[in-house]
N, C-alpha and C. Protein backbone atom coordinates (compact mmCIF):
# COMPACT_ATOMS: atom_id res chain seq x y z
N MET A 1 7.08 -0.63 14.75
CA MET A 1 8.27 -0.03 14.00
C MET A 1 9.60 -1.11 13.92
N GLU A 2 9.69 -2.38 14.26
CA GLU A 2 10.83 -2.90 13.93
C GLU A 2 10.58 -3.99 12.80
N GLU A 3 9.44 -4.30 12.54
CA GLU A 3 9.03 -5.34 11.16
C GLU A 3 9.78 -4.72 10.12
N THR A 4 10.36 -5.79 9.60
CA THR A 4 11.05 -5.47 8.27
C THR A 4 9.79 -5.74 6.92
N PHE A 5 9.75 -4.94 6.34
CA PHE A 5 9.39 -5.03 5.02
C PHE A 5 9.91 -4.71 3.49
N GLU A 6 9.42 -5.23 2.60
CA GLU A 6 10.04 -5.25 1.35
C GLU A 6 9.74 -3.91 0.85
N GLU A 7 11.06 -3.04 0.07
CA GLU A 7 10.75 -1.86 -0.55
C GLU A 7 10.18 -2.31 -1.90
N VAL A 8 9.51 -1.25 -2.44
CA VAL A 8 8.65 -1.30 -3.76
C VAL A 8 8.31 -0.27 -4.12
N THR A 9 8.21 -0.23 -5.52
CA THR A 9 8.05 1.08 -6.20
C THR A 9 6.66 0.86 -7.00
N VAL A 10 5.58 1.77 -6.33
CA VAL A 10 4.39 1.51 -6.92
C VAL A 10 3.69 2.99 -7.52
N LEU A 11 3.64 2.93 -8.68
CA LEU A 11 2.93 3.98 -9.64
C LEU A 11 4.09 4.99 -9.42
N ASP A 12 5.37 4.68 -9.60
CA ASP A 12 6.43 5.43 -9.57
C ASP A 12 6.80 6.16 -8.14
N LYS A 13 6.40 5.52 -6.94
CA LYS A 13 6.32 6.04 -6.02
C LYS A 13 7.13 4.90 -4.85
N PRO A 14 8.12 5.62 -4.24
CA PRO A 14 8.75 4.54 -3.12
C PRO A 14 7.81 4.40 -1.97
N MET A 15 7.53 2.90 -1.30
CA MET A 15 6.62 2.39 -0.80
C MET A 15 7.38 1.12 0.08
N LEU A 16 6.35 0.41 1.16
CA LEU A 16 6.94 -0.77 1.89
C LEU A 16 5.78 -1.62 1.14
N PHE A 17 6.07 -2.70 1.11
CA PHE A 17 5.16 -4.07 1.13
C PHE A 17 5.43 -5.04 2.09
N THR A 18 4.24 -5.63 2.41
CA THR A 18 4.16 -6.93 3.14
C THR A 18 3.40 -7.84 2.71
N CYS A 19 3.63 -9.45 2.75
CA CYS A 19 2.56 -10.07 2.37
C CYS A 19 1.32 -10.24 3.78
N ALA A 20 1.34 -9.49 4.74
CA ALA A 20 0.92 -9.60 5.73
C ALA A 20 -0.37 -8.52 5.91
N ARG A 21 -1.23 -8.97 6.48
CA ARG A 21 -2.22 -7.52 6.88
C ARG A 21 -1.87 -6.95 7.89
N VAL A 22 -1.80 -5.44 8.09
CA VAL A 22 -1.08 -4.88 9.05
C VAL A 22 -2.36 -4.34 9.79
N ASP A 23 -2.21 -4.17 11.17
CA ASP A 23 -3.26 -3.47 11.68
C ASP A 23 -3.37 -1.77 11.52
N ARG A 24 -4.30 -1.38 11.07
CA ARG A 24 -4.18 0.13 10.90
C ARG A 24 -3.84 1.11 11.91
N SER A 25 -4.23 0.51 13.28
CA SER A 25 -3.94 1.33 14.49
C SER A 25 -2.34 1.40 14.68
N THR A 26 -1.61 0.81 14.08
CA THR A 26 0.00 0.61 14.57
C THR A 26 0.62 1.52 13.49
N VAL A 27 -0.13 2.08 12.18
CA VAL A 27 0.75 2.78 11.18
C VAL A 27 0.75 4.19 11.81
N PRO A 28 1.88 4.94 11.94
CA PRO A 28 2.05 6.48 12.34
C PRO A 28 1.17 7.41 11.65
N LYS A 29 0.66 8.49 12.27
CA LYS A 29 0.04 9.54 11.64
C LYS A 29 0.96 9.99 10.53
N GLY A 30 0.49 9.96 9.40
CA GLY A 30 1.15 10.60 8.34
C GLY A 30 1.28 9.90 7.21
N MET A 31 1.13 8.37 7.66
CA MET A 31 1.56 7.50 6.76
C MET A 31 0.09 7.02 6.36
N TYR A 32 0.25 6.26 5.16
CA TYR A 32 -0.99 5.78 4.46
C TYR A 32 -1.11 4.08 4.34
N LEU A 33 -2.15 3.56 4.68
CA LEU A 33 -1.94 2.01 4.67
C LEU A 33 -3.04 1.64 3.54
N TYR A 34 -2.84 0.75 2.60
CA TYR A 34 -3.48 0.27 1.39
C TYR A 34 -3.25 -1.36 1.28
N GLU A 35 -4.34 -1.78 1.06
CA GLU A 35 -4.20 -3.39 0.66
C GLU A 35 -4.31 -3.85 -0.62
N VAL A 36 -3.44 -4.84 -1.23
CA VAL A 36 -3.43 -5.14 -2.26
C VAL A 36 -4.09 -6.56 -2.78
N ARG A 37 -4.66 -6.52 -4.03
CA ARG A 37 -5.29 -7.76 -4.66
C ARG A 37 -4.40 -8.19 -5.54
N HIS A 38 -4.55 -9.81 -5.39
CA HIS A 38 -3.81 -10.22 -6.46
C HIS A 38 -4.53 -10.80 -7.77
N ASP A 39 -4.17 -11.13 -8.64
CA ASP A 39 -5.19 -11.51 -10.06
C ASP A 39 -5.75 -12.88 -9.70
N ASP A 40 -7.01 -13.19 -10.29
CA ASP A 40 -7.85 -13.90 -10.59
C ASP A 40 -7.47 -15.35 -10.73
N GLU A 41 -6.39 -15.46 -11.85
CA GLU A 41 -5.69 -16.50 -12.27
C GLU A 41 -4.58 -16.84 -11.23
N MET A 42 -4.52 -16.57 -10.29
CA MET A 42 -3.89 -16.77 -9.13
C MET A 42 -2.34 -16.90 -9.65
N ARG A 43 -1.68 -16.18 -10.44
CA ARG A 43 -0.35 -15.92 -11.05
C ARG A 43 0.43 -15.44 -10.06
N GLY A 44 -0.12 -14.65 -8.63
CA GLY A 44 0.62 -13.95 -7.90
C GLY A 44 1.26 -12.68 -8.48
N ASP A 45 0.09 -11.91 -9.24
CA ASP A 45 0.59 -10.65 -9.77
C ASP A 45 -0.34 -9.28 -9.22
N PRO A 46 0.16 -8.74 -8.48
CA PRO A 46 -0.99 -7.34 -7.63
C PRO A 46 -1.30 -6.96 -9.00
N CYS A 47 -2.73 -6.53 -8.90
CA CYS A 47 -3.32 -6.15 -10.03
C CYS A 47 -4.57 -4.91 -9.47
N GLN A 48 -4.54 -4.78 -8.25
CA GLN A 48 -5.54 -3.69 -7.67
C GLN A 48 -5.10 -3.34 -5.98
N ILE A 49 -5.01 -1.85 -5.83
CA ILE A 49 -4.97 -1.34 -4.70
C ILE A 49 -6.17 -0.99 -4.00
N ALA A 50 -6.37 -0.83 -2.69
CA ALA A 50 -7.78 -0.42 -2.38
C ALA A 50 -7.38 -0.30 -0.59
N ASN A 51 -8.61 0.43 -0.45
CA ASN A 51 -8.82 0.72 1.20
C ASN A 51 -8.68 -0.42 1.92
N TRP A 52 -9.15 -1.86 1.48
CA TRP A 52 -9.20 -2.78 2.03
C TRP A 52 -9.61 -4.20 0.96
N ILE A 53 -9.15 -5.03 1.28
CA ILE A 53 -9.33 -6.46 0.31
C ILE A 53 -9.84 -7.49 1.07
N VAL A 54 -10.79 -8.26 0.37
CA VAL A 54 -11.53 -9.21 1.22
C VAL A 54 -10.84 -10.48 0.15
N VAL A 55 -10.99 -10.56 -0.97
CA VAL A 55 -10.95 -11.87 -1.71
C VAL A 55 -9.62 -11.63 -2.41
N ASN A 56 -8.62 -12.55 -2.34
CA ASN A 56 -7.49 -12.59 -2.96
C ASN A 56 -6.56 -11.45 -2.30
N HIS A 57 -6.51 -11.11 -1.11
CA HIS A 57 -5.34 -10.43 -0.65
C HIS A 57 -4.21 -10.85 -0.79
N TRP A 58 -3.28 -9.81 -1.32
CA TRP A 58 -2.21 -10.17 -1.77
C TRP A 58 -0.98 -9.68 -0.70
N GLY A 59 -1.76 -8.54 -0.09
CA GLY A 59 -0.37 -7.91 0.97
C GLY A 59 -0.72 -6.50 1.34
N THR A 60 0.01 -5.84 1.96
CA THR A 60 -0.17 -4.36 2.51
C THR A 60 0.93 -3.58 1.92
N LEU A 61 0.39 -2.25 1.55
CA LEU A 61 1.56 -1.11 1.35
C LEU A 61 1.39 -0.11 2.43
N ILE A 62 2.40 0.74 2.50
CA ILE A 62 2.35 1.57 3.08
C ILE A 62 3.41 2.78 2.74
N SER A 63 2.75 3.66 2.68
CA SER A 63 3.31 5.17 1.53
C SER A 63 3.21 6.39 2.73
N ASN A 64 4.20 7.10 2.37
CA ASN A 64 4.31 8.24 2.96
C ASN A 64 3.48 9.27 2.06
N GLU A 65 2.65 8.93 1.25
CA GLU A 65 1.67 9.88 0.75
C GLU A 65 0.42 9.14 -0.01
N PRO A 66 -0.79 9.64 0.00
CA PRO A 66 -1.99 8.92 -0.74
C PRO A 66 -1.72 8.45 -1.96
N ILE A 67 -2.68 7.65 -2.02
CA ILE A 67 -2.72 6.98 -3.48
C ILE A 67 -4.28 7.45 -4.00
N ARG A 68 -4.17 7.98 -5.19
CA ARG A 68 -5.73 8.11 -5.87
C ARG A 68 -6.29 6.98 -5.71
N LEU A 69 -7.55 6.87 -5.17
CA LEU A 69 -8.35 5.63 -5.71
C LEU A 69 -9.75 6.25 -5.98
N GLU A 70 -10.56 5.33 -6.74
CA GLU A 70 -11.67 5.52 -7.34
C GLU A 70 -12.80 4.93 -6.13
N LYS A 71 -13.48 5.91 -5.73
CA LYS A 71 -14.70 5.22 -4.82
C LYS A 71 -15.70 4.30 -5.38
N ARG A 72 -16.19 3.74 -4.42
CA ARG A 72 -17.39 2.64 -5.07
C ARG A 72 -18.45 2.88 -4.44
N PRO A 73 -19.18 3.27 -5.03
CA PRO A 73 -20.75 3.82 -4.18
C PRO A 73 -21.16 2.42 -3.55
N ASN A 74 -21.99 3.00 -2.42
CA ASN A 74 -22.54 1.81 -1.54
C ASN A 74 -21.72 0.74 -0.62
N THR A 75 -20.23 0.91 -0.98
CA THR A 75 -19.35 0.10 -0.22
C THR A 75 -18.39 0.73 0.86
N GLY A 76 -18.38 1.93 0.42
CA GLY A 76 -17.36 2.46 1.43
C GLY A 76 -15.73 2.48 1.13
N ASN A 77 -15.66 1.48 0.28
CA ASN A 77 -14.36 1.27 0.06
C ASN A 77 -14.22 2.12 -1.50
N ALA A 78 -12.67 2.08 -1.68
CA ALA A 78 -11.98 2.72 -3.02
C ALA A 78 -11.13 1.95 -3.45
N PHE A 79 -10.78 1.73 -4.97
CA PHE A 79 -10.17 1.02 -5.43
C PHE A 79 -9.16 1.64 -6.44
N ARG A 80 -8.14 1.02 -6.98
CA ARG A 80 -7.16 1.55 -8.22
C ARG A 80 -6.71 0.43 -8.97
N ASP A 81 -6.85 -0.15 -10.22
CA ASP A 81 -6.27 -1.14 -10.55
C ASP A 81 -5.08 -0.89 -11.35
N ILE A 82 -4.20 -1.63 -11.16
CA ILE A 82 -2.67 -1.24 -11.56
C ILE A 82 -2.28 -2.68 -12.44
N ASP A 83 -1.11 -2.27 -13.27
CA ASP A 83 -0.49 -3.00 -14.02
C ASP A 83 0.85 -3.42 -13.29
N PRO A 84 0.67 -4.94 -13.01
CA PRO A 84 2.06 -5.29 -12.71
C PRO A 84 3.23 -5.35 -12.97
N GLU A 85 3.27 -4.98 -14.39
CA GLU A 85 4.28 -5.00 -15.24
C GLU A 85 4.92 -3.50 -15.38
N LYS A 86 3.81 -2.54 -15.45
CA LYS A 86 4.40 -1.17 -15.50
C LYS A 86 4.14 -0.49 -14.01
N ASP A 87 3.32 -0.86 -13.13
CA ASP A 87 3.45 -0.01 -12.03
C ASP A 87 3.87 -0.72 -10.44
N TRP A 88 4.31 -1.72 -10.81
CA TRP A 88 5.00 -2.25 -9.42
C TRP A 88 6.25 -2.86 -9.79
N ASN A 89 7.08 -2.65 -8.70
CA ASN A 89 8.25 -2.98 -8.92
C ASN A 89 9.20 -3.58 -7.47
N TYR A 90 9.61 -4.40 -7.18
CA TYR A 90 10.32 -5.08 -6.06
C TYR A 90 11.82 -4.40 -6.12
N GLU A 91 12.44 -3.72 -5.29
CA GLU A 91 13.40 -3.18 -5.03
C GLU A 91 14.46 -4.07 -4.51
N GLY A 92 13.58 -5.32 -4.06
CA GLY A 92 15.28 -6.01 -3.29
C GLY A 92 15.63 -5.55 -2.22
N VAL A 93 15.37 -5.10 -1.38
CA VAL A 93 15.71 -4.28 -0.58
C VAL A 93 14.52 -4.45 0.69
N ASN A 94 15.10 -4.74 1.86
CA ASN A 94 14.21 -4.73 3.11
C ASN A 94 14.41 -3.50 3.97
N SER A 95 13.39 -3.00 4.71
CA SER A 95 13.61 -1.90 5.43
C SER A 95 12.49 -2.06 6.85
N THR A 96 12.61 -1.45 7.85
CA THR A 96 11.55 -1.08 8.70
C THR A 96 11.00 0.34 8.49
N LEU A 97 9.71 0.00 8.93
CA LEU A 97 8.92 1.40 8.67
C LEU A 97 10.08 2.76 9.17
N GLN A 98 10.51 2.57 10.50
CA GLN A 98 11.43 3.86 10.64
C GLN A 98 12.27 4.13 9.83
N GLU A 99 13.06 3.14 9.25
CA GLU A 99 13.97 3.53 8.10
C GLU A 99 13.35 4.30 6.95
N TYR A 100 11.97 3.65 6.49
CA TYR A 100 11.51 4.46 5.49
C TYR A 100 11.23 5.94 5.72
N MET A 101 10.77 5.62 6.92
CA MET A 101 10.25 7.25 7.21
C MET A 101 11.23 8.37 7.49
N GLU A 102 12.61 7.71 7.53
CA GLU A 102 13.84 8.81 7.62
C GLU A 102 14.07 9.11 6.44
N LYS A 103 13.94 7.81 5.20
CA LYS A 103 14.06 8.45 3.67
C LYS A 103 13.47 9.20 3.25
N HIS A 104 11.70 8.81 3.57
CA HIS A 104 10.63 9.41 2.91
C HIS A 104 9.88 9.82 3.79
N PRO A 105 9.86 11.14 4.85
CA PRO A 105 9.19 11.60 5.64
C PRO A 105 7.75 11.90 5.23
N PRO A 106 6.84 11.60 5.95
CA PRO A 106 5.39 11.85 5.57
C PRO A 106 5.13 12.91 4.84
N LYS A 107 4.40 13.38 3.99
CA LYS A 107 4.16 14.43 3.46
C LYS A 107 2.98 15.01 4.02
N LYS A 108 2.96 16.29 4.41
CA LYS A 108 2.00 17.32 5.15
C LYS A 108 0.72 17.57 4.18
N GLU A 109 -0.25 16.74 4.10
CA GLU A 109 -1.50 16.78 3.34
C GLU A 109 -2.46 16.44 4.16
N LYS A 110 -3.86 17.17 3.67
CA LYS A 110 -4.97 16.79 4.53
C LYS A 110 -5.51 15.44 4.12
N ARG A 111 -5.41 14.65 5.00
CA ARG A 111 -6.28 13.26 4.22
C ARG A 111 -7.42 12.90 5.36
N LYS A 112 -8.05 12.20 4.43
CA LYS A 112 -9.29 11.55 5.18
C LYS A 112 -9.22 10.32 6.13
N GLU A 113 -9.96 9.81 6.99
CA GLU A 113 -10.00 9.24 8.08
C GLU A 113 -9.59 7.72 7.45
N PHE A 114 -10.07 7.14 6.29
CA PHE A 114 -10.28 5.90 5.84
C PHE A 114 -9.02 5.77 5.14
N GLU A 115 -7.62 6.47 5.15
CA GLU A 115 -6.58 6.65 4.35
C GLU A 115 -5.43 6.29 5.54
N ARG A 116 -5.82 6.48 6.83
CA ARG A 116 -4.68 6.49 7.49
C ARG A 116 -4.41 4.87 7.84
């Protein structure tokens, strides 16, 4: 809860971002963790959000509400392609998860286990 994250706006929603992988068990209930893939050309553009990323891991997003992802058959994973020019904006502000949760309390929605 004391780590510092970058504030970003993704898909028009305020979220937190870090280049590190985050242990899912450390994310408070009501918050959602997703991993981000960067482009294959290695320009450093975030291009996909998923439940987990193995190749081209760019970082981790934490949100107070779920992101709609498309399930992939036979993998148990789900993805969503994004346009880094339209769907992603760095806000230039850092904050802790606690500060984010004070500004953006968790939404009360039913969620699936993998979204935690």
